[in-house]
């Protein structure tokens, strides 16, 4: 989801925007995963990024709707992880 969010944010705001890439880097720094897990996280980020860039090459109503949808999925995931 972070990679997809990153691509959609860049498409609609600026290629220079690094918000979600920076968040991913902070996650890797904090979690300090082993190399195998770090590689899986990086591949997942890149796959999401590449897929969103291919599907939404420009900022359109569909790109904005997808960004909102991904944000809702991310919120639901975060909420489920925080639940006892």
Protein backbone atom coordinates (compact mmCIF):
# COMPACT_ATOMS: atom_id res chain seq x y z
CA UNK A 1 0.00 0.00 0.00
CA UNK A 2 2.83 2.45 0.73
CA UNK A 3 4.30 2.10 -2.74
CA UNK A 4 0.91 2.58 -4.36
CA UNK A 5 0.25 5.60 -2.14
CA UNK A 6 3.65 7.02 -3.04
CA UNK A 7 3.00 6.72 -6.78
CA UNK A 8 -0.47 8.25 -6.56
CA UNK A 9 0.78 11.13 -4.44
CA UNK A 10 3.58 11.82 -6.90
CA UNK A 11 1.18 11.69 -9.87
CA UNK A 12 -1.17 14.24 -8.30
CA UNK A 13 1.31 16.42 -6.44
CA UNK A 14 4.85 16.22 -7.77
CA UNK A 15 7.47 13.68 -8.76
CA UNK A 16 9.68 15.41 -6.19
CA UNK A 17 7.27 14.47 -3.36
CA UNK A 18 8.95 11.81 -1.22
CA UNK A 19 6.46 11.61 1.66
CA UNK A 20 5.60 7.91 1.44
CA UNK A 21 9.10 6.83 0.40
CA UNK A 22 10.42 8.63 3.49
CA UNK A 23 7.81 6.89 5.65
CA UNK A 24 8.89 3.53 4.21
CA UNK A 25 12.51 4.32 4.99
CA UNK A 26 11.59 5.26 8.57
CA UNK A 27 9.68 1.99 8.90
CA UNK A 28 12.75 0.05 7.77
CA UNK A 29 14.97 2.04 10.14
CA UNK A 30 12.69 1.49 13.15
CA UNK A 31 11.87 -2.16 12.48
CA UNK A 32 15.43 -3.08 11.48
CA UNK A 33 14.20 -6.19 9.66
CA UNK A 34 16.51 -9.00 8.67
CA UNK A 35 17.71 -8.83 5.07
CA UNK A 36 15.09 -11.27 3.76
CA UNK A 37 12.18 -9.38 5.28
CA UNK A 38 13.67 -6.04 4.22
CA UNK A 39 13.91 -7.32 0.65
CA UNK A 40 10.27 -8.48 0.70
CA UNK A 41 9.13 -5.11 2.02
CA UNK A 42 11.14 -3.30 -0.65
CA UNK A 43 9.81 -5.51 -3.44
CA UNK A 44 6.25 -4.99 -2.21
CA UNK A 45 6.75 -1.21 -2.12
CA UNK A 46 8.22 -1.20 -5.62
CA UNK A 47 5.51 -3.48 -7.01
CA UNK A 48 2.78 -1.21 -5.63
CA UNK A 49 4.57 1.86 -6.94
CA UNK A 50 5.10 0.44 -10.42
CA UNK A 51 1.53 -0.83 -10.67
CA UNK A 52 0.01 2.49 -9.66
CA UNK A 53 2.29 4.46 -12.01
CA UNK A 54 1.27 2.18 -14.87
CA UNK A 55 -2.44 2.35 -14.05
CA UNK A 56 -2.53 6.08 -13.25
CA UNK A 57 0.08 7.89 -15.39
CA UNK A 58 -1.58 11.26 -14.76
CA UNK A 59 -3.65 12.88 -12.06
CA UNK A 60 -7.26 12.18 -12.91
CA UNK A 61 -10.47 11.74 -10.97
CA UNK A 62 -9.79 7.98 -11.07
CA UNK A 63 -6.29 8.49 -9.63
CA UNK A 64 -7.67 10.67 -6.83
CA UNK A 65 -10.40 8.11 -6.10
CA UNK A 66 -7.81 5.32 -5.96
CA UNK A 67 -5.64 7.39 -3.61
CA UNK A 68 -8.64 7.83 -1.30
CA UNK A 69 -9.43 4.11 -1.51
CA UNK A 70 -5.84 3.14 -0.66
CA UNK A 71 -5.87 5.58 2.27
CA UNK A 72 -9.03 3.95 3.63
CA UNK A 73 -7.49 0.48 3.27
CA UNK A 74 -4.38 1.70 5.06
CA UNK A 75 -6.45 3.20 7.88
CA UNK A 76 -8.41 -0.04 8.27
CA UNK A 77 -5.19 -2.04 8.41
CA UNK A 78 -3.65 0.30 10.97
CA UNK A 79 -6.80 0.16 13.08
CA UNK A 80 -6.84 -3.64 12.98
CA UNK A 81 -3.21 -3.81 14.09
CA UNK A 82 -3.95 -1.53 17.02
CA UNK A 83 -6.96 -3.51 18.22
CA UNK A 84 -6.54 -5.89 21.17
